């Protein structure tokens, strides 16, 4: 897998119950084993922006709908066993498929 999520982030996610969209996105992505570098391409932002969101920084309201749709898709795929991704290759393939879906909307 790509560089794993840091222990500091994982501990922060365990301790924070703030309900911010970015931290909820982080929880979903950690459970699904989706790397931030490739996740950033879905939303057209940098990897550092994704990390900022994960740590609770504000997200422009124009992006909320796309993030919520993405999280719903990932949650559904976790429930059906498609995720978590077992390796980087599978994560990249999954995110490429999701990206196509998002571009068609």
PDB file of N, CA and C in Angstrom:
ATOM      1  N   UNK A   1       0.854  -1.178   0.000  1.00  0.00           N
ATOM      2  CA  UNK A   1       0.000   0.000   0.000  1.00  0.00           C
ATOM      3  C   UNK A   1       0.891   1.228   0.000  1.00  0.00           C
ATOM      4  N   UNK A   2       0.327   2.321  -0.429  1.00  0.00           N
ATOM      5  CA  UNK A   2       1.060   3.576  -0.367  1.00  0.00           C
ATOM      6  C   UNK A   2       1.343   3.900   1.088  1.00  0.00           C
ATOM      7  N   UNK A   3       2.019   4.982   1.292  1.00  0.00           N
ATOM      8  CA  UNK A   3       2.352   5.373   2.663  1.00  0.00           C
ATOM      9  C   UNK A   3       1.104   5.289   3.547  1.00  0.00           C
ATOM     10  N   UNK A   4       1.161   4.512   4.609  1.00  0.00           N
ATOM     11  CA  UNK A   4      -0.023   4.330   5.446  1.00  0.00           C
ATOM     12  C   UNK A   4      -0.364   5.605   6.223  1.00  0.00           C
ATOM     13  N   UNK A   5      -1.578   5.638   6.694  1.00  0.00           N
ATOM     14  CA  UNK A   5      -1.990   6.771   7.516  1.00  0.00           C
ATOM     15  C   UNK A   5      -1.159   6.798   8.781  1.00  0.00           C
ATOM     16  N   UNK A   6      -0.776   7.991   9.203  1.00  0.00           N
ATOM     17  CA  UNK A   6       0.072   8.140  10.375  1.00  0.00           C
ATOM     18  C   UNK A   6      -0.660   7.832  11.670  1.00  0.00           C
ATOM     19  N   UNK A   7       0.106   7.401  12.636  1.00  0.00           N
ATOM     20  CA  UNK A   7      -0.446   7.063  13.945  1.00  0.00           C
ATOM     21  C   UNK A   7      -1.122   8.268  14.582  1.00  0.00           C
ATOM     22  N   UNK A   8      -0.544   9.450  14.395  1.00  0.00           N
ATOM     23  CA  UNK A   8      -1.117  10.675  14.960  1.00  0.00           C
ATOM     24  C   UNK A   8      -2.531  10.922  14.421  1.00  0.00           C
ATOM     25  N   UNK A   9      -2.710  10.762  13.108  1.00  0.00           N
ATOM     26  CA  UNK A   9      -4.031  10.945  12.512  1.00  0.00           C
ATOM     27  C   UNK A   9      -4.999   9.895  13.025  1.00  0.00           C
ATOM     28  N   UNK A  10      -4.564   8.645  13.061  1.00  0.00           N
ATOM     29  CA  UNK A  10      -5.439   7.569  13.516  1.00  0.00           C
ATOM     30  C   UNK A  10      -5.894   7.791  14.954  1.00  0.00           C
ATOM     31  N   UNK A  11      -4.974   8.249  15.819  1.00  0.00           N
ATOM     32  CA  UNK A  11      -5.345   8.530  17.210  1.00  0.00           C
ATOM     33  C   UNK A  11      -6.299   9.714  17.283  1.00  0.00           C
ATOM     34  N   UNK A  12      -6.054  10.735  16.481  1.00  0.00           N
ATOM     35  CA  UNK A  12      -6.936  11.902  16.474  1.00  0.00           C
ATOM     36  C   UNK A  12      -8.346  11.506  16.031  1.00  0.00           C
ATOM     37  N   UNK A  13      -8.445  10.636  15.041  1.00  0.00           N
ATOM     38  CA  UNK A  13      -9.756  10.198  14.563  1.00  0.00           C
ATOM     39  C   UNK A  13     -10.482   9.383  15.627  1.00  0.00           C
ATOM     40  N   UNK A  14      -9.736   8.619  16.400  1.00  0.00           N
ATOM     41  CA  UNK A  14     -10.352   7.854  17.487  1.00  0.00           C
ATOM     42  C   UNK A  14     -10.879   8.761  18.587  1.00  0.00           C
ATOM     43  N   UNK A  15     -10.192   9.886  18.809  1.00  0.00           N
ATOM     44  CA  UNK A  15     -10.536  10.772  19.923  1.00  0.00           C
ATOM     45  C   UNK A  15     -11.531  11.862  19.567  1.00  0.00           C
ATOM     46  N   UNK A  16     -11.619  12.227  18.279  1.00  0.00           N
ATOM     47  CA  UNK A  16     -12.480  13.345  17.892  1.00  0.00           C
ATOM     48  C   UNK A  16     -13.862  12.857  17.516  1.00  0.00           C
ATOM     49  N   UNK A  17     -14.833  13.517  18.069  1.00  0.00           N
ATOM     50  CA  UNK A  17     -16.230  13.210  17.766  1.00  0.00           C
ATOM     51  C   UNK A  17     -16.937  14.453  17.254  1.00  0.00           C
ATOM     52  N   UNK A  18     -16.207  15.321  16.546  1.00  0.00           N
ATOM     53  CA  UNK A  18     -16.749  16.616  16.168  1.00  0.00           C
ATOM     54  C   UNK A  18     -17.754  16.568  15.030  1.00  0.00           C
ATOM     55  N   UNK A  19     -17.778  15.501  14.256  1.00  0.00           N
ATOM     56  CA  UNK A  19     -18.739  15.380  13.169  1.00  0.00           C
ATOM     57  C   UNK A  19     -18.448  16.264  11.968  1.00  0.00           C
ATOM     58  N   UNK A  20     -17.271  16.849  11.899  1.00  0.00           N
ATOM     59  CA  UNK A  20     -16.921  17.657  10.728  1.00  0.00           C
ATOM     60  C   UNK A  20     -16.813  16.763   9.510  1.00  0.00           C
ATOM     61  N   UNK A  21     -17.165  17.324   8.380  1.00  0.00           N
ATOM     62  CA  UNK A  21     -17.182  16.551   7.146  1.00  0.00           C
ATOM     63  C   UNK A  21     -15.807  15.960   6.836  1.00  0.00           C
ATOM     64  N   UNK A  22     -14.760  16.727   7.022  1.00  0.00           N
ATOM     65  CA  UNK A  22     -13.411  16.249   6.721  1.00  0.00           C
ATOM     66  C   UNK A  22     -12.979  15.089   7.596  1.00  0.00           C
ATOM     67  N   UNK A  23     -13.295  15.152   8.879  1.00  0.00           N
ATOM     68  CA  UNK A  23     -12.907  14.047   9.755  1.00  0.00           C
ATOM     69  C   UNK A  23     -13.757  12.808   9.481  1.00  0.00           C
ATOM     70  N   UNK A  24     -15.004  13.021   9.083  1.00  0.00           N
ATOM     71  CA  UNK A  24     -15.839  11.879   8.693  1.00  0.00           C
ATOM     72  C   UNK A  24     -15.298  11.252   7.414  1.00  0.00           C
ATOM     73  N   UNK A  25     -14.858  12.078   6.479  1.00  0.00           N
ATOM     74  CA  UNK A  25     -14.229  11.578   5.259  1.00  0.00           C
ATOM     75  C   UNK A  25     -12.983  10.763   5.610  1.00  0.00           C
ATOM     76  N   UNK A  26     -12.198  11.264   6.541  1.00  0.00           N
ATOM     77  CA  UNK A  26     -10.987  10.555   6.964  1.00  0.00           C
ATOM     78  C   UNK A  26     -11.335   9.185   7.522  1.00  0.00           C
ATOM     79  N   UNK A  27     -12.328   9.120   8.379  1.00  0.00           N
ATOM     80  CA  UNK A  27     -12.710   7.834   8.980  1.00  0.00           C
ATOM     81  C   UNK A  27     -13.109   6.825   7.904  1.00  0.00           C
ATOM     82  N   UNK A  28     -13.882   7.285   6.937  1.00  0.00           N
ATOM     83  CA  UNK A  28     -14.332   6.410   5.858  1.00  0.00           C
ATOM     84  C   UNK A  28     -13.139   5.931   5.030  1.00  0.00           C
ATOM     85  N   UNK A  29     -12.244   6.840   4.704  1.00  0.00           N
ATOM     86  CA  UNK A  29     -11.091   6.488   3.868  1.00  0.00           C
ATOM     87  C   UNK A  29     -10.120   5.563   4.588  1.00  0.00           C
ATOM     88  N   UNK A  30      -9.951   5.757   5.873  1.00  0.00           N
ATOM     89  CA  UNK A  30      -9.078   4.863   6.651  1.00  0.00           C
ATOM     90  C   UNK A  30      -9.690   3.460   6.675  1.00  0.00           C
ATOM     91  N   UNK A  31     -10.987   3.379   6.936  1.00  0.00           N
ATOM     92  CA  UNK A  31     -11.649   2.061   6.962  1.00  0.00           C
ATOM     93  C   UNK A  31     -11.570   1.372   5.598  1.00  0.00           C
ATOM     94  N   UNK A  32     -11.654   2.174   4.524  1.00  0.00           N
ATOM     95  CA  UNK A  32     -11.641   1.617   3.171  1.00  0.00           C
ATOM     96  C   UNK A  32     -10.229   1.397   2.640  1.00  0.00           C
ATOM     97  N   UNK A  33      -9.229   1.887   3.365  1.00  0.00           N
ATOM     98  CA  UNK A  33      -7.822   1.762   2.972  1.00  0.00           C
ATOM     99  C   UNK A  33      -7.541   2.454   1.637  1.00  0.00           C
ATOM    100  N   UNK A  34      -8.036   3.688   1.518  1.00  0.00           N
ATOM    101  CA  UNK A  34      -7.848   4.481   0.299  1.00  0.00           C
ATOM    102  C   UNK A  34      -6.803   5.562   0.548  1.00  0.00           C
ATOM    103  N   UNK A  35      -5.742   5.603  -0.261  1.00  0.00           N
ATOM    104  CA  UNK A  35      -4.651   6.552  -0.053  1.00  0.00           C
ATOM    105  C   UNK A  35      -5.020   7.976  -0.457  1.00  0.00           C
ATOM    106  N   UNK A  36      -4.532   8.936   0.296  1.00  0.00           N
ATOM    107  CA  UNK A  36      -4.863  10.346   0.049  1.00  0.00           C
ATOM    108  C   UNK A  36      -4.368  10.837  -1.302  1.00  0.00           C
ATOM    109  N   UNK A  37      -3.229  10.379  -1.726  1.00  0.00           N
ATOM    110  CA  UNK A  37      -2.680  10.850  -3.000  1.00  0.00           C
ATOM    111  C   UNK A  37      -3.660  10.603  -4.142  1.00  0.00           C
ATOM    112  N   UNK A  38      -4.242   9.437  -4.172  1.00  0.00           N
ATOM    113  CA  UNK A  38      -5.161   9.093  -5.254  1.00  0.00           C
ATOM    114  C   UNK A  38      -6.568   9.613  -4.970  1.00  0.00           C
ATOM    115  N   UNK A  39      -6.884   9.762  -3.725  1.00  0.00           N
ATOM    116  CA  UNK A  39      -8.156  10.352  -3.339  1.00  0.00           C
ATOM    117  C   UNK A  39      -8.234  11.808  -3.797  1.00  0.00           C
ATOM    118  N   UNK A  40      -7.114  12.498  -3.743  1.00  0.00           N
ATOM    119  CA  UNK A  40      -7.070  13.911  -4.134  1.00  0.00           C
ATOM    120  C   UNK A  40      -7.505  14.108  -5.581  1.00  0.00           C
ATOM    121  N   UNK A  41      -7.220  13.143  -6.442  1.00  0.00           N
ATOM    122  CA  UNK A  41      -7.615  13.285  -7.845  1.00  0.00           C
ATOM    123  C   UNK A  41      -9.126  13.259  -8.018  1.00  0.00           C
ATOM    124  N   UNK A  42      -9.819  12.578  -7.144  1.00  0.00           N
ATOM    125  CA  UNK A  42     -11.279  12.524  -7.212  1.00  0.00           C
ATOM    126  C   UNK A  42     -11.876  13.926  -7.071  1.00  0.00           C
ATOM    127  N   UNK A  43     -11.325  14.692  -6.135  1.00  0.00           N
ATOM    128  CA  UNK A  43     -11.875  16.012  -5.819  1.00  0.00           C
ATOM    129  C   UNK A  43     -11.119  17.159  -6.475  1.00  0.00           C
ATOM    130  N   UNK A  44     -10.070  16.848  -7.231  1.00  0.00           N
ATOM    131  CA  UNK A  44      -9.319  17.880  -7.924  1.00  0.00           C
ATOM    132  C   UNK A  44      -8.569  18.817  -6.994  1.00  0.00           C
ATOM    133  N   UNK A  45      -8.036  18.256  -5.918  1.00  0.00           N
ATOM    134  CA  UNK A  45      -7.279  19.041  -4.940  1.00  0.00           C
ATOM    135  C   UNK A  45      -5.946  18.344  -4.686  1.00  0.00           C
ATOM    136  N   UNK A  46      -5.092  18.981  -3.898  1.00  0.00           N
ATOM    137  CA  UNK A  46      -3.809  18.374  -3.563  1.00  0.00           C
ATOM    138  C   UNK A  46      -3.956  17.379  -2.415  1.00  0.00           C
ATOM    139  N   UNK A  47      -2.940  16.550  -2.292  1.00  0.00           N
ATOM    140  CA  UNK A  47      -2.901  15.608  -1.178  1.00  0.00           C
ATOM    141  C   UNK A  47      -2.889  16.358   0.152  1.00  0.00           C
ATOM    142  N   UNK A  48      -2.210  17.488   0.184  1.00  0.00           N
ATOM    143  CA  UNK A  48      -2.153  18.277   1.415  1.00  0.00           C
ATOM    144  C   UNK A  48      -3.524  18.848   1.778  1.00  0.00           C
ATOM    145  N   UNK A  49      -4.314  19.186   0.776  1.00  0.00           N
ATOM    146  CA  UNK A  49      -5.679  19.653   1.048  1.00  0.00           C
ATOM    147  C   UNK A  49      -6.488  18.537   1.689  1.00  0.00           C
ATOM    148  N   UNK A  50      -6.346  17.340   1.171  1.00  0.00           N
ATOM    149  CA  UNK A  50      -7.044  16.191   1.772  1.00  0.00           C
ATOM    150  C   UNK A  50      -6.618  16.026   3.226  1.00  0.00           C
ATOM    151  N   UNK A  51      -5.318  16.120   3.491  1.00  0.00           N
ATOM    152  CA  UNK A  51      -4.833  15.997   4.870  1.00  0.00           C
ATOM    153  C   UNK A  51      -5.407  17.109   5.755  1.00  0.00           C
ATOM    154  N   UNK A  52      -5.519  18.303   5.221  1.00  0.00           N
ATOM    155  CA  UNK A  52      -6.115  19.406   5.987  1.00  0.00           C
ATOM    156  C   UNK A  52      -7.572  19.108   6.316  1.00  0.00           C
ATOM    157  N   UNK A  53      -8.299  18.612   5.339  1.00  0.00           N
ATOM    158  CA  UNK A  53      -9.697  18.255   5.581  1.00  0.00           C
ATOM    159  C   UNK A  53      -9.786  17.191   6.654  1.00  0.00           C
ATOM    160  N   UNK A  54      -8.912  16.175   6.556  1.00  0.00           N
ATOM    161  CA  UNK A  54      -8.919  15.084   7.526  1.00  0.00           C
ATOM    162  C   UNK A  54      -8.707  15.602   8.947  1.00  0.00           C
ATOM    163  N   UNK A  55      -7.991  16.683   9.078  1.00  0.00           N
ATOM    164  CA  UNK A  55      -7.698  17.249  10.399  1.00  0.00           C
ATOM    165  C   UNK A  55      -8.707  18.327  10.812  1.00  0.00           C
ATOM    166  N   UNK A  56      -9.818  18.400  10.073  1.00  0.00           N
ATOM    167  CA  UNK A  56     -10.914  19.268  10.485  1.00  0.00           C
ATOM    168  C   UNK A  56     -10.908  20.680   9.929  1.00  0.00           C
ATOM    169  N   UNK A  57     -10.020  20.969   8.989  1.00  0.00           N
ATOM    170  CA  UNK A  57     -10.022  22.301   8.377  1.00  0.00           C
ATOM    171  C   UNK A  57     -11.289  22.462   7.543  1.00  0.00           C
ATOM    172  N   UNK A  58     -11.735  23.706   7.360  1.00  0.00           N
ATOM    173  CA  UNK A  58     -12.977  23.940   6.605  1.00  0.00           C
ATOM    174  C   UNK A  58     -12.893  23.451   5.159  1.00  0.00           C
ATOM    175  N   UNK A  59     -14.033  23.014   4.667  1.00  0.00           N
ATOM    176  CA  UNK A  59     -14.177  22.578   3.280  1.00  0.00           C
ATOM    177  C   UNK A  59     -15.205  23.502   2.639  1.00  0.00           C
ATOM    178  N   UNK A  60     -14.892  23.998   1.456  1.00  0.00           N
ATOM    179  CA  UNK A  60     -15.838  24.874   0.757  1.00  0.00           C
ATOM    180  C   UNK A  60     -17.167  24.159   0.571  1.00  0.00           C
ATOM    181  N   UNK A  61     -18.232  24.889   0.791  1.00  0.00           N
ATOM    182  CA  UNK A  61     -19.564  24.288   0.723  1.00  0.00           C
ATOM    183  C   UNK A  61     -19.871  23.717  -0.664  1.00  0.00           C
ATOM    184  N   UNK A  62     -19.246  24.259  -1.690  1.00  0.00           N
ATOM    185  CA  UNK A  62     -19.466  23.749  -3.041  1.00  0.00           C
ATOM    186  C   UNK A  62     -18.988  22.305  -3.193  1.00  0.00           C
ATOM    187  N   UNK A  63     -18.089  21.871  -2.337  1.00  0.00           N
ATOM    188  CA  UNK A  63     -17.556  20.505  -2.412  1.00  0.00           C
ATOM    189  C   UNK A  63     -18.319  19.518  -1.526  1.00  0.00           C
ATOM    190  N   UNK A  64     -19.157  20.008  -0.655  1.00  0.00           N
ATOM    191  CA  UNK A  64     -19.837  19.137   0.312  1.00  0.00           C
ATOM    192  C   UNK A  64     -20.636  18.022  -0.358  1.00  0.00           C
ATOM    193  N   UNK A  65     -21.399  18.359  -1.384  1.00  0.00           N
ATOM    194  CA  UNK A  65     -22.232  17.353  -2.049  1.00  0.00           C
ATOM    195  C   UNK A  65     -21.411  16.217  -2.629  1.00  0.00           C
ATOM    196  N   UNK A  66     -20.325  16.553  -3.311  1.00  0.00           N
ATOM    197  CA  UNK A  66     -19.466  15.525  -3.914  1.00  0.00           C
ATOM    198  C   UNK A  66     -18.826  14.655  -2.834  1.00  0.00           C
ATOM    199  N   UNK A  67     -18.395  15.272  -1.756  1.00  0.00           N
ATOM    200  CA  UNK A  67     -17.770  14.511  -0.673  1.00  0.00           C
ATOM    201  C   UNK A  67     -18.786  13.582  -0.025  1.00  0.00           C
ATOM    202  N   UNK A  68     -19.973  14.067   0.193  1.00  0.00           N
ATOM    203  CA  UNK A  68     -21.014  13.234   0.803  1.00  0.00           C
ATOM    204  C   UNK A  68     -21.389  12.069  -0.113  1.00  0.00           C
ATOM    205  N   UNK A  69     -21.505  12.326  -1.426  1.00  0.00           N
ATOM    206  CA  UNK A  69     -21.798  11.239  -2.370  1.00  0.00           C
ATOM    207  C   UNK A  69     -20.671  10.206  -2.364  1.00  0.00           C
ATOM    208  N   UNK A  70     -19.431  10.688  -2.338  1.00  0.00           N
ATOM    209  CA  UNK A  70     -18.283   9.794  -2.301  1.00  0.00           C
ATOM    210  C   UNK A  70     -18.318   8.936  -1.041  1.00  0.00           C
ATOM    211  N   UNK A  71     -18.549   9.562   0.105  1.00  0.00           N
ATOM    212  CA  UNK A  71     -18.585   8.813   1.363  1.00  0.00           C
ATOM    213  C   UNK A  71     -19.701   7.775   1.347  1.00  0.00           C
ATOM    214  N   UNK A  72     -20.856   8.130   0.818  1.00  0.00           N
ATOM    215  CA  UNK A  72     -21.963   7.169   0.740  1.00  0.00           C
ATOM    216  C   UNK A  72     -21.592   5.976  -0.128  1.00  0.00           C
ATOM    217  N   UNK A  73     -20.934   6.246  -1.263  1.00  0.00           N
ATOM    218  CA  UNK A  73     -20.493   5.174  -2.163  1.00  0.00           C
ATOM    219  C   UNK A  73     -19.495   4.256  -1.460  1.00  0.00           C
ATOM    220  N   UNK A  74     -18.527   4.843  -0.784  1.00  0.00           N
ATOM    221  CA  UNK A  74     -17.508   4.051  -0.102  1.00  0.00           C
ATOM    222  C   UNK A  74     -18.137   3.228   1.024  1.00  0.00           C
ATOM    223  N   UNK A  75     -19.015   3.838   1.801  1.00  0.00           N
ATOM    224  CA  UNK A  75     -19.701   3.106   2.882  1.00  0.00           C
ATOM    225  C   UNK A  75     -20.478   1.918   2.321  1.00  0.00           C
ATOM    226  N   UNK A  76     -21.172   2.139   1.214  1.00  0.00           N
ATOM    227  CA  UNK A  76     -21.932   1.068   0.572  1.00  0.00           C
ATOM    228  C   UNK A  76     -20.990  -0.061   0.136  1.00  0.00           C
ATOM    229  N   UNK A  77     -19.859   0.313  -0.437  1.00  0.00           N
ATOM    230  CA  UNK A  77     -18.911  -0.692  -0.914  1.00  0.00           C
ATOM    231  C   UNK A  77     -18.199  -1.410   0.233  1.00  0.00           C
ATOM    232  N   UNK A  78     -18.064  -0.773   1.363  1.00  0.00           N
ATOM    233  CA  UNK A  78     -17.532  -1.463   2.549  1.00  0.00           C
ATOM    234  C   UNK A  78     -18.541  -2.521   3.000  1.00  0.00           C
ATOM    235  N   UNK A  79     -19.806  -2.139   3.029  1.00  0.00           N
ATOM    236  CA  UNK A  79     -20.857  -3.071   3.468  1.00  0.00           C
ATOM    237  C   UNK A  79     -20.971  -4.285   2.554  1.00  0.00           C
ATOM    238  N   UNK A  80     -20.757  -4.068   1.249  1.00  0.00           N
ATOM    239  CA  UNK A  80     -20.898  -5.176   0.300  1.00  0.00           C
ATOM    240  C   UNK A  80     -19.613  -5.975   0.120  1.00  0.00           C
ATOM    241  N   UNK A  81     -18.526  -5.556   0.772  1.00  0.00           N
ATOM    242  CA  UNK A  81     -17.290  -6.314   0.718  1.00  0.00           C
ATOM    243  C   UNK A  81     -16.341  -5.922  -0.409  1.00  0.00           C
ATOM    244  N   UNK A  82     -16.688  -4.915  -1.177  1.00  0.00           N
ATOM    245  CA  UNK A  82     -15.789  -4.446  -2.239  1.00  0.00           C
ATOM    246  C   UNK A  82     -14.563  -3.785  -1.614  1.00  0.00           C
ATOM    247  N   UNK A  83     -14.761  -3.096  -0.536  1.00  0.00           N
ATOM    248  CA  UNK A  83     -13.695  -2.442   0.226  1.00  0.00           C
ATOM    249  C   UNK A  83     -13.652  -3.063   1.610  1.00  0.00           C
ATOM    250  N   UNK A  84     -12.558  -2.973   2.318  1.00  0.00           N
ATOM    251  CA  UNK A  84     -11.373  -2.154   2.098  1.00  0.00           C
ATOM    252  C   UNK A  84     -10.471  -2.729   1.012  1.00  0.00           C
ATOM    253  N   UNK A  85      -9.745  -1.822   0.368  1.00  0.00           N
ATOM    254  CA  UNK A  85      -8.783  -2.215  -0.654  1.00  0.00           C
ATOM    255  C   UNK A  85      -7.658  -2.996   0.016  1.00  0.00           C
ATOM    256  N   UNK A  86      -7.284  -4.105  -0.571  1.00  0.00           N
ATOM    257  CA  UNK A  86      -6.267  -4.957   0.038  1.00  0.00           C
ATOM    258  C   UNK A  86      -4.851  -4.534  -0.326  1.00  0.00           C
ATOM    259  N   UNK A  87      -4.718  -3.727  -1.387  1.00  0.00           N
ATOM    260  CA  UNK A  87      -3.392  -3.237  -1.764  1.00  0.00           C
ATOM    261  C   UNK A  87      -3.543  -1.958  -2.589  1.00  0.00           C
ATOM    262  N   UNK A  88      -2.427  -1.336  -2.898  1.00  0.00           N
ATOM    263  CA  UNK A  88      -2.438  -0.064  -3.626  1.00  0.00           C
ATOM    264  C   UNK A  88      -3.056  -0.215  -5.006  1.00  0.00           C
ATOM    265  N   UNK A  89      -2.743  -1.280  -5.694  1.00  0.00           N
ATOM    266  CA  UNK A  89      -3.281  -1.482  -7.036  1.00  0.00           C
ATOM    267  C   UNK A  89      -4.805  -1.520  -7.023  1.00  0.00           C
ATOM    268  N   UNK A  90      -5.367  -2.258  -6.072  1.00  0.00           N
ATOM    269  CA  UNK A  90      -6.831  -2.347  -5.988  1.00  0.00           C
ATOM    270  C   UNK A  90      -7.449  -1.007  -5.581  1.00  0.00           C
ATOM    271  N   UNK A  91      -6.777  -0.278  -4.718  1.00  0.00           N
ATOM    272  CA  UNK A  91      -7.265   1.044  -4.323  1.00  0.00           C
ATOM    273  C   UNK A  91      -7.273   1.992  -5.522  1.00  0.00           C
ATOM    274  N   UNK A  92      -6.213   1.952  -6.323  1.00  0.00           N
ATOM    275  CA  UNK A  92      -6.130   2.815  -7.505  1.00  0.00           C
ATOM    276  C   UNK A  92      -7.213   2.469  -8.522  1.00  0.00           C
ATOM    277  N   UNK A  93      -7.437   1.179  -8.745  1.00  0.00           N
ATOM    278  CA  UNK A  93      -8.478   0.748  -9.679  1.00  0.00           C
ATOM    279  C   UNK A  93      -9.845   1.202  -9.175  1.00  0.00           C
ATOM    280  N   UNK A  94     -10.100   1.001  -7.898  1.00  0.00           N
ATOM    281  CA  UNK A  94     -11.383   1.416  -7.308  1.00  0.00           C
ATOM    282  C   UNK A  94     -11.585   2.925  -7.479  1.00  0.00           C
ATOM    283  N   UNK A  95     -10.583   3.712  -7.113  1.00  0.00           N
ATOM    284  CA  UNK A  95     -10.721   5.168  -7.190  1.00  0.00           C
ATOM    285  C   UNK A  95     -10.845   5.646  -8.634  1.00  0.00           C
ATOM    286  N   UNK A  96     -10.203   4.968  -9.575  1.00  0.00           N
ATOM    287  CA  UNK A  96     -10.353   5.327 -10.992  1.00  0.00           C
ATOM    288  C   UNK A  96     -11.787   5.098 -11.448  1.00  0.00           C
ATOM    289  N   UNK A  97     -12.391   4.013 -11.007  1.00  0.00           N
ATOM    290  CA  UNK A  97     -13.785   3.735 -11.358  1.00  0.00           C
ATOM    291  C   UNK A  97     -14.717   4.774 -10.738  1.00  0.00           C
ATOM    292  N   UNK A  98     -14.473   5.108  -9.487  1.00  0.00           N
ATOM    293  CA  UNK A  98     -15.302   6.105  -8.809  1.00  0.00           C
ATOM    294  C   UNK A  98     -15.143   7.465  -9.485  1.00  0.00           C
ATOM    295  N   UNK A  99     -13.933   7.794  -9.874  1.00  0.00           N
ATOM    296  CA  UNK A  99     -13.672   9.082 -10.532  1.00  0.00           C
ATOM    297  C   UNK A  99     -14.470   9.201 -11.818  1.00  0.00           C
ATOM    298  N   UNK A 100     -14.545   8.124 -12.599  1.00  0.00           N
ATOM    299  CA  UNK A 100     -15.354   8.131 -13.834  1.00  0.00           C
ATOM    300  C   UNK A 100     -16.816   8.409 -13.510  1.00  0.00           C
ATOM    301  N   UNK A 101     -17.299   7.796 -12.456  1.00  0.00           N
ATOM    302  CA  UNK A 101     -18.694   7.982 -12.041  1.00  0.00           C
ATOM    303  C   UNK A 101     -18.945   9.440 -11.659  1.00  0.00           C
ATOM    304  N   UNK A 102     -18.008  10.041 -10.942  1.00  0.00           N
ATOM    305  CA  UNK A 102     -18.159  11.417 -10.497  1.00  0.00           C
ATOM    306  C   UNK A 102     -18.089  12.390 -11.666  1.00  0.00           C
ATOM    307  N   UNK A 103     -17.270  12.099 -12.659  1.00  0.00           N
ATOM    308  CA  UNK A 103     -17.151  12.991 -13.821  1.00  0.00           C
ATOM    309  C   UNK A 103     -18.390  12.954 -14.677  1.00  0.00           C
ATOM    310  N   UNK A 104     -19.105  11.837 -14.660  1.00  0.00           N
ATOM    311  CA  UNK A 104     -20.302  11.708 -15.519  1.00  0.00           C
ATOM    312  C   UNK A 104     -21.508  12.408 -14.904  1.00  0.00           C
ATOM    313  N   UNK A 105     -21.398  12.866 -13.658  1.00  0.00           N
ATOM    314  CA  UNK A 105     -22.546  13.533 -13.004  1.00  0.00           C
ATOM    315  C   UNK A 105     -22.483  15.014 -13.186  1.00  0.00           C
TER     316      UNK A 105
END
